[in-house]
Amino acid sequence: MRSRSFDYVAITLIIIGALNWGLIGFFQFDLVAFLFGGMTSWISRVIYAIVGIAGIYALTLYGRVYDHPYTNS
């Protein structure tokens, strides 16, 4: 799997995590816990962990930010 594929997967997971945190902040509703049986269920914990790992991986994107190769600038 190429690095770009990892980038898209990580960004997708980060968006899911951000939406979940937005729901928690605005409505006190944890969508992951709701869908997968509570905050302490093993599947919820796995999802939280994967989203967290994606966030840590996203830190590497700062060092790899570059202009798109097809732009004229």
PDB file of N, CA and C in Angstrom:
ATOM      1  N   MET A   1       0.851  -1.175   0.000  1.00  0.00           N
ATOM      2  CA  MET A   1       0.000   0.000   0.000  1.00  0.00           C
ATOM      3  C   MET A   1       0.895   1.236   0.000  1.00  0.00           C
ATOM      4  N   ARG A   2       0.610   2.145  -0.885  1.00  0.00           N
ATOM      5  CA  ARG A   2       1.421   3.348  -0.982  1.00  0.00           C
ATOM      6  C   ARG A   2       1.100   4.308   0.150  1.00  0.00           C
ATOM      7  N   SER A   3       2.032   5.211   0.387  1.00  0.00           N
ATOM      8  CA  SER A   3       1.870   6.196   1.448  1.00  0.00           C
ATOM      9  C   SER A   3       0.629   7.053   1.219  1.00  0.00           C
ATOM     10  N   ARG A   4       0.339   7.363  -0.021  1.00  0.00           N
ATOM     11  CA  ARG A   4      -0.824   8.194  -0.326  1.00  0.00           C
ATOM     12  C   ARG A   4      -2.115   7.492   0.108  1.00  0.00           C
ATOM     13  N   SER A   5      -2.175   6.181  -0.053  1.00  0.00           N
ATOM     14  CA  SER A   5      -3.353   5.429   0.386  1.00  0.00           C
ATOM     15  C   SER A   5      -3.509   5.514   1.896  1.00  0.00           C
ATOM     16  N   PHE A   6      -2.394   5.370   2.616  1.00  0.00           N
ATOM     17  CA  PHE A   6      -2.427   5.527   4.075  1.00  0.00           C
ATOM     18  C   PHE A   6      -2.915   6.918   4.452  1.00  0.00           C
ATOM     19  N   ASP A   7      -2.468   7.920   3.698  1.00  0.00           N
ATOM     20  CA  ASP A   7      -2.881   9.296   3.979  1.00  0.00           C
ATOM     21  C   ASP A   7      -4.395   9.446   3.879  1.00  0.00           C
ATOM     22  N   TYR A   8      -4.988   8.893   2.828  1.00  0.00           N
ATOM     23  CA  TYR A   8      -6.430   9.005   2.655  1.00  0.00           C
ATOM     24  C   TYR A   8      -7.197   8.236   3.728  1.00  0.00           C
ATOM     25  N   VAL A   9      -6.712   7.071   4.089  1.00  0.00           N
ATOM     26  CA  VAL A   9      -7.348   6.298   5.158  1.00  0.00           C
ATOM     27  C   VAL A   9      -7.265   7.068   6.468  1.00  0.00           C
ATOM     28  N   ALA A  10      -6.081   7.621   6.761  1.00  0.00           N
ATOM     29  CA  ALA A  10      -5.897   8.383   8.002  1.00  0.00           C
ATOM     30  C   ALA A  10      -6.807   9.600   8.038  1.00  0.00           C
ATOM     31  N   ILE A  11      -6.877  10.323   6.941  1.00  0.00           N
ATOM     32  CA  ILE A  11      -7.725  11.520   6.908  1.00  0.00           C
ATOM     33  C   ILE A  11      -9.194  11.139   7.085  1.00  0.00           C
ATOM     34  N   THR A  12      -9.621  10.054   6.468  1.00  0.00           N
ATOM     35  CA  THR A  12     -11.002   9.595   6.628  1.00  0.00           C
ATOM     36  C   THR A  12     -11.294   9.255   8.084  1.00  0.00           C
ATOM     37  N   LEU A  13     -10.381   8.537   8.728  1.00  0.00           N
ATOM     38  CA  LEU A  13     -10.567   8.186  10.143  1.00  0.00           C
ATOM     39  C   LEU A  13     -10.553   9.425  11.035  1.00  0.00           C
ATOM     40  N   ILE A  14      -9.714  10.387  10.703  1.00  0.00           N
ATOM     41  CA  ILE A  14      -9.669  11.626  11.490  1.00  0.00           C
ATOM     42  C   ILE A  14     -10.972  12.394  11.348  1.00  0.00           C
ATOM     43  N   ILE A  15     -11.532  12.410  10.154  1.00  0.00           N
ATOM     44  CA  ILE A  15     -12.830  13.077   9.951  1.00  0.00           C
ATOM     45  C   ILE A  15     -13.916  12.377  10.758  1.00  0.00           C
ATOM     46  N   ILE A  16     -13.912  11.044  10.751  1.00  0.00           N
ATOM     47  CA  ILE A  16     -14.890  10.295  11.553  1.00  0.00           C
ATOM     48  C   ILE A  16     -14.735  10.649  13.034  1.00  0.00           C
ATOM     49  N   GLY A  17     -13.493  10.691  13.508  1.00  0.00           N
ATOM     50  CA  GLY A  17     -13.248  11.050  14.902  1.00  0.00           C
ATOM     51  C   GLY A  17     -13.681  12.471  15.217  1.00  0.00           C
ATOM     52  N   ALA A  18     -13.415  13.384  14.290  1.00  0.00           N
ATOM     53  CA  ALA A  18     -13.806  14.778  14.512  1.00  0.00           C
ATOM     54  C   ALA A  18     -15.325  14.922  14.553  1.00  0.00           C
ATOM     55  N   LEU A  19     -16.010  14.217  13.653  1.00  0.00           N
ATOM     56  CA  LEU A  19     -17.476  14.266  13.680  1.00  0.00           C
ATOM     57  C   LEU A  19     -18.016  13.686  14.978  1.00  0.00           C
ATOM     58  N   ASN A  20     -17.417  12.597  15.443  1.00  0.00           N
ATOM     59  CA  ASN A  20     -17.857  12.002  16.704  1.00  0.00           C
ATOM     60  C   ASN A  20     -17.634  12.978  17.866  1.00  0.00           C
ATOM     61  N   TRP A  21     -16.460  13.636  17.895  1.00  0.00           N
ATOM     62  CA  TRP A  21     -16.207  14.612  18.964  1.00  0.00           C
ATOM     63  C   TRP A  21     -17.145  15.811  18.858  1.00  0.00           C
ATOM     64  N   GLY A  22     -17.492  16.193  17.633  1.00  0.00           N
ATOM     65  CA  GLY A  22     -18.464  17.272  17.472  1.00  0.00           C
ATOM     66  C   GLY A  22     -19.821  16.894  18.032  1.00  0.00           C
ATOM     67  N   LEU A  23     -20.245  15.669  17.764  1.00  0.00           N
ATOM     68  CA  LEU A  23     -21.514  15.194  18.329  1.00  0.00           C
ATOM     69  C   LEU A  23     -21.466  15.155  19.853  1.00  0.00           C
ATOM     70  N   ILE A  24     -20.327  14.734  20.388  1.00  0.00           N
ATOM     71  CA  ILE A  24     -20.182  14.707  21.854  1.00  0.00           C
ATOM     72  C   ILE A  24     -20.247  16.123  22.414  1.00  0.00           C
ATOM     73  N   GLY A  25     -19.539  17.038  21.771  1.00  0.00           N
ATOM     74  CA  GLY A  25     -19.490  18.413  22.267  1.00  0.00           C
ATOM     75  C   GLY A  25     -20.807  19.146  22.175  1.00  0.00           C
ATOM     76  N   PHE A  26     -21.501  18.979  21.070  1.00  0.00           N
ATOM     77  CA  PHE A  26     -22.741  19.725  20.865  1.00  0.00           C
ATOM     78  C   PHE A  26     -23.972  19.052  21.472  1.00  0.00           C
ATOM     79  N   PHE A  27     -24.000  17.728  21.414  1.00  0.00           N
ATOM     80  CA  PHE A  27     -25.225  17.029  21.793  1.00  0.00           C
ATOM     81  C   PHE A  27     -25.033  15.968  22.879  1.00  0.00           C
ATOM     82  N   GLN A  28     -23.822  15.822  23.397  1.00  0.00           N
ATOM     83  CA  GLN A  28     -23.497  14.793  24.381  1.00  0.00           C
ATOM     84  C   GLN A  28     -23.933  13.415  23.876  1.00  0.00           C
ATOM     85  N   PHE A  29     -23.645  13.162  22.601  1.00  0.00           N
ATOM     86  CA  PHE A  29     -24.018  11.901  21.962  1.00  0.00           C
ATOM     87  C   PHE A  29     -22.784  11.282  21.321  1.00  0.00           C
ATOM     88  N   ASP A  30     -22.371  10.126  21.817  1.00  0.00           N
ATOM     89  CA  ASP A  30     -21.206   9.417  21.293  1.00  0.00           C
ATOM     90  C   ASP A  30     -21.686   8.387  20.283  1.00  0.00           C
ATOM     91  N   LEU A  31     -21.522   8.701  18.998  1.00  0.00           N
ATOM     92  CA  LEU A  31     -22.023   7.835  17.934  1.00  0.00           C
ATOM     93  C   LEU A  31     -21.328   6.474  17.934  1.00  0.00           C
ATOM     94  N   VAL A  32     -20.031   6.439  18.154  1.00  0.00           N
ATOM     95  CA  VAL A  32     -19.306   5.163  18.171  1.00  0.00           C
ATOM     96  C   VAL A  32     -19.837   4.280  19.295  1.00  0.00           C
ATOM     97  N   ALA A  33     -19.986   4.846  20.474  1.00  0.00           N
ATOM     98  CA  ALA A  33     -20.511   4.071  21.604  1.00  0.00           C
ATOM     99  C   ALA A  33     -21.941   3.613  21.326  1.00  0.00           C
ATOM    100  N   PHE A  34     -22.735   4.469  20.711  1.00  0.00           N
ATOM    101  CA  PHE A  34     -24.117   4.120  20.390  1.00  0.00           C
ATOM    102  C   PHE A  34     -24.184   2.944  19.406  1.00  0.00           C
ATOM    103  N   LEU A  35     -23.339   2.995  18.381  1.00  0.00           N
ATOM    104  CA  LEU A  35     -23.381   1.964  17.338  1.00  0.00           C
ATOM    105  C   LEU A  35     -22.773   0.638  17.781  1.00  0.00           C
ATOM    106  N   PHE A  36     -21.803   0.692  18.690  1.00  0.00           N
ATOM    107  CA  PHE A  36     -21.045  -0.516  19.005  1.00  0.00           C
ATOM    108  C   PHE A  36     -21.133  -0.944  20.462  1.00  0.00           C
ATOM    109  N   GLY A  37     -22.175  -0.548  21.164  1.00  0.00           N
ATOM    110  CA  GLY A  37     -22.458  -1.110  22.470  1.00  0.00           C
ATOM    111  C   GLY A  37     -21.786  -0.472  23.655  1.00  0.00           C
ATOM    112  N   GLY A  38     -21.611   0.816  23.642  1.00  0.00           N
ATOM    113  CA  GLY A  38     -21.061   1.502  24.800  1.00  0.00           C
ATOM    114  C   GLY A  38     -19.579   1.782  24.672  1.00  0.00           C
ATOM    115  N   MET A  39     -19.138   2.709  25.482  1.00  0.00           N
ATOM    116  CA  MET A  39     -17.753   3.158  25.418  1.00  0.00           C
ATOM    117  C   MET A  39     -16.758   2.093  25.845  1.00  0.00           C
ATOM    118  N   THR A  40     -17.181   1.164  26.657  1.00  0.00           N
ATOM    119  CA  THR A  40     -16.241   0.169  27.183  1.00  0.00           C
ATOM    120  C   THR A  40     -16.284  -1.151  26.425  1.00  0.00           C
ATOM    121  N   SER A  41     -17.122  -1.260  25.393  1.00  0.00           N
ATOM    122  CA  SER A  41     -17.124  -2.500  24.614  1.00  0.00           C
ATOM    123  C   SER A  41     -15.815  -2.599  23.843  1.00  0.00           C
ATOM    124  N   TRP A  42     -15.385  -3.805  23.562  1.00  0.00           N
ATOM    125  CA  TRP A  42     -14.082  -3.985  22.936  1.00  0.00           C
ATOM    126  C   TRP A  42     -14.049  -3.404  21.533  1.00  0.00           C
ATOM    127  N   ILE A  43     -15.137  -3.478  20.790  1.00  0.00           N
ATOM    128  CA  ILE A  43     -15.133  -2.946  19.426  1.00  0.00           C
ATOM    129  C   ILE A  43     -15.056  -1.424  19.431  1.00  0.00           C
ATOM    130  N   SER A  44     -15.732  -0.775  20.375  1.00  0.00           N
ATOM    131  CA  SER A  44     -15.636   0.679  20.497  1.00  0.00           C
ATOM    132  C   SER A  44     -14.218   1.085  20.841  1.00  0.00           C
ATOM    133  N   ARG A  45     -13.596   0.349  21.758  1.00  0.00           N
ATOM    134  CA  ARG A  45     -12.224   0.673  22.142  1.00  0.00           C
ATOM    135  C   ARG A  45     -11.264   0.493  20.979  1.00  0.00           C
ATOM    136  N   VAL A  46     -11.502  -0.519  20.158  1.00  0.00           N
ATOM    137  CA  VAL A  46     -10.655  -0.726  18.969  1.00  0.00           C
ATOM    138  C   VAL A  46     -10.827   0.438  17.998  1.00  0.00           C
ATOM    139  N   ILE A  47     -12.061   0.872  17.780  1.00  0.00           N
ATOM    140  CA  ILE A  47     -12.311   1.996  16.873  1.00  0.00           C
ATOM    141  C   ILE A  47     -11.671   3.265  17.409  1.00  0.00           C
ATOM    142  N   TYR A  48     -11.821   3.534  18.708  1.00  0.00           N
ATOM    143  CA  TYR A  48     -11.177   4.711  19.293  1.00  0.00           C
ATOM    144  C   TYR A  48      -9.661   4.633  19.115  1.00  0.00           C
ATOM    145  N   ALA A  49      -9.088   3.460  19.315  1.00  0.00           N
ATOM    146  CA  ALA A  49      -7.642   3.289  19.182  1.00  0.00           C
ATOM    147  C   ALA A  49      -7.184   3.509  17.738  1.00  0.00           C
ATOM    148  N   ILE A  50      -7.934   2.985  16.775  1.00  0.00           N
ATOM    149  CA  ILE A  50      -7.566   3.154  15.368  1.00  0.00           C
ATOM    150  C   ILE A  50      -7.642   4.623  14.962  1.00  0.00           C
ATOM    151  N   VAL A  51      -8.671   5.318  15.412  1.00  0.00           N
ATOM    152  CA  VAL A  51      -8.787   6.746  15.122  1.00  0.00           C
ATOM    153  C   VAL A  51      -7.628   7.505  15.774  1.00  0.00           C
ATOM    154  N   GLY A  52      -7.253   7.126  16.975  1.00  0.00           N
ATOM    155  CA  GLY A  52      -6.119   7.752  17.641  1.00  0.00           C
ATOM    156  C   GLY A  52      -4.813   7.510  16.912  1.00  0.00           C
ATOM    157  N   ILE A  53      -4.606   6.298  16.436  1.00  0.00           N
ATOM    158  CA  ILE A  53      -3.404   5.993  15.660  1.00  0.00           C
ATOM    159  C   ILE A  53      -3.386   6.799  14.366  1.00  0.00           C
ATOM    160  N   ALA A  54      -4.544   6.967  13.745  1.00  0.00           N
ATOM    161  CA  ALA A  54      -4.625   7.791  12.535  1.00  0.00           C
ATOM    162  C   ALA A  54      -4.237   9.232  12.837  1.00  0.00           C
ATOM    163  N   GLY A  55      -4.641   9.725  14.001  1.00  0.00           N
ATOM    164  CA  GLY A  55      -4.260  11.081  14.398  1.00  0.00           C
ATOM    165  C   GLY A  55      -2.764  11.214  14.589  1.00  0.00           C
ATOM    166  N   ILE A  56      -2.150  10.207  15.195  1.00  0.00           N
ATOM    167  CA  ILE A  56      -0.699  10.229  15.373  1.00  0.00           C
ATOM    168  C   ILE A  56      -0.008  10.144  14.017  1.00  0.00           C
ATOM    169  N   TYR A  57      -0.506   9.283  13.139  1.00  0.00           N
ATOM    170  CA  TYR A  57       0.052   9.171  11.792  1.00  0.00           C
ATOM    171  C   TYR A  57      -0.060  10.499  11.050  1.00  0.00           C
ATOM    172  N   ALA A  58      -1.152  11.228  11.256  1.00  0.00           N
ATOM    173  CA  ALA A  58      -1.359  12.499  10.567  1.00  0.00           C
ATOM    174  C   ALA A  58      -0.293  13.524  10.927  1.00  0.00           C
ATOM    175  N   LEU A  59       0.339  13.366  12.067  1.00  0.00           N
ATOM    176  CA  LEU A  59       1.435  14.266  12.415  1.00  0.00           C
ATOM    177  C   LEU A  59       2.561  14.189  11.392  1.00  0.00           C
ATOM    178  N   THR A  60       2.738  13.029  10.757  1.00  0.00           N
ATOM    179  CA  THR A  60       3.783  12.901   9.743  1.00  0.00           C
ATOM    180  C   THR A  60       3.446  13.665   8.473  1.00  0.00           C
ATOM    181  N   LEU A  61       2.174  13.994   8.282  1.00  0.00           N
ATOM    182  CA  LEU A  61       1.790  14.747   7.092  1.00  0.00           C
ATOM    183  C   LEU A  61       2.409  16.137   7.083  1.00  0.00           C
ATOM    184  N   TYR A  62       2.665  16.700   8.240  1.00  0.00           N
ATOM    185  CA  TYR A  62       3.278  18.024   8.305  1.00  0.00           C
ATOM    186  C   TYR A  62       4.646  18.037   7.643  1.00  0.00           C
ATOM    187  N   GLY A  63       5.385  16.961   7.769  1.00  0.00           N
ATOM    188  CA  GLY A  63       6.710  16.904   7.163  1.00  0.00           C
ATOM    189  C   GLY A  63       6.670  16.573   5.684  1.00  0.00           C
ATOM    190  N   ARG A  64       5.510  16.182   5.171  1.00  0.00           N
ATOM    191  CA  ARG A  64       5.415  15.764   3.783  1.00  0.00           C
ATOM    192  C   ARG A  64       4.493  16.643   2.960  1.00  0.00           C
ATOM    193  N   VAL A  65       4.167  17.818   3.460  1.00  0.00           N
ATOM    194  CA  VAL A  65       3.299  18.715   2.711  1.00  0.00           C
ATOM    195  C   VAL A  65       4.095  19.265   1.527  1.00  0.00           C
ATOM    196  N   TYR A  66       3.518  19.150   0.361  1.00  0.00           N
ATOM    197  CA  TYR A  66       4.186  19.624  -0.852  1.00  0.00           C
ATOM    198  C   TYR A  66       3.132  20.072  -1.847  1.00  0.00           C
ATOM    199  N   ASP A  67       3.580  20.799  -2.848  1.00  0.00           N
ATOM    200  CA  ASP A  67       2.650  21.221  -3.907  1.00  0.00           C
ATOM    201  C   ASP A  67       2.273  20.013  -4.736  1.00  0.00           C
ATOM    202  N   HIS A  68       1.065  20.024  -5.206  1.00  0.00           N
ATOM    203  CA  HIS A  68       0.593  18.952  -6.070  1.00  0.00           C
ATOM    204  C   HIS A  68       1.451  18.954  -7.338  1.00  0.00           C
ATOM    205  N   PRO A  69       1.893  17.791  -7.820  1.00  0.00           N
ATOM    206  CA  PRO A  69       2.806  17.766  -8.973  1.00  0.00           C
ATOM    207  C   PRO A  69       2.205  18.289 -10.270  1.00  0.00           C
ATOM    208  N   TYR A  70       0.884  18.410 -10.335  1.00  0.00           N
ATOM    209  CA  TYR A  70       0.246  18.854 -11.574  1.00  0.00           C
ATOM    210  C   TYR A  70      -0.113  20.337 -11.561  1.00  0.00           C
ATOM    211  N   THR A  71       0.304  21.060 -10.549  1.00  0.00           N
ATOM    212  CA  THR A  71       0.012  22.487 -10.522  1.00  0.00           C
ATOM    213  C   THR A  71       1.135  23.235 -11.210  1.00  0.00           C
ATOM    214  N   ASN A  72       0.831  24.445 -11.660  1.00  0.00           N
ATOM    215  CA  ASN A  72       1.814  25.261 -12.374  1.00  0.00           C
ATOM    216  C   ASN A  72       2.657  26.107 -11.448  1.00  0.00           C
ATOM    217  N   SER A  73       2.360  26.161 -10.166  1.00  0.00           N
ATOM    218  CA  SER A  73       3.114  27.030  -9.270  1.00  0.00           C
ATOM    219  C   SER A  73       4.341  26.377  -8.717  1.00  0.00           C
TER     220      SER A  73
END
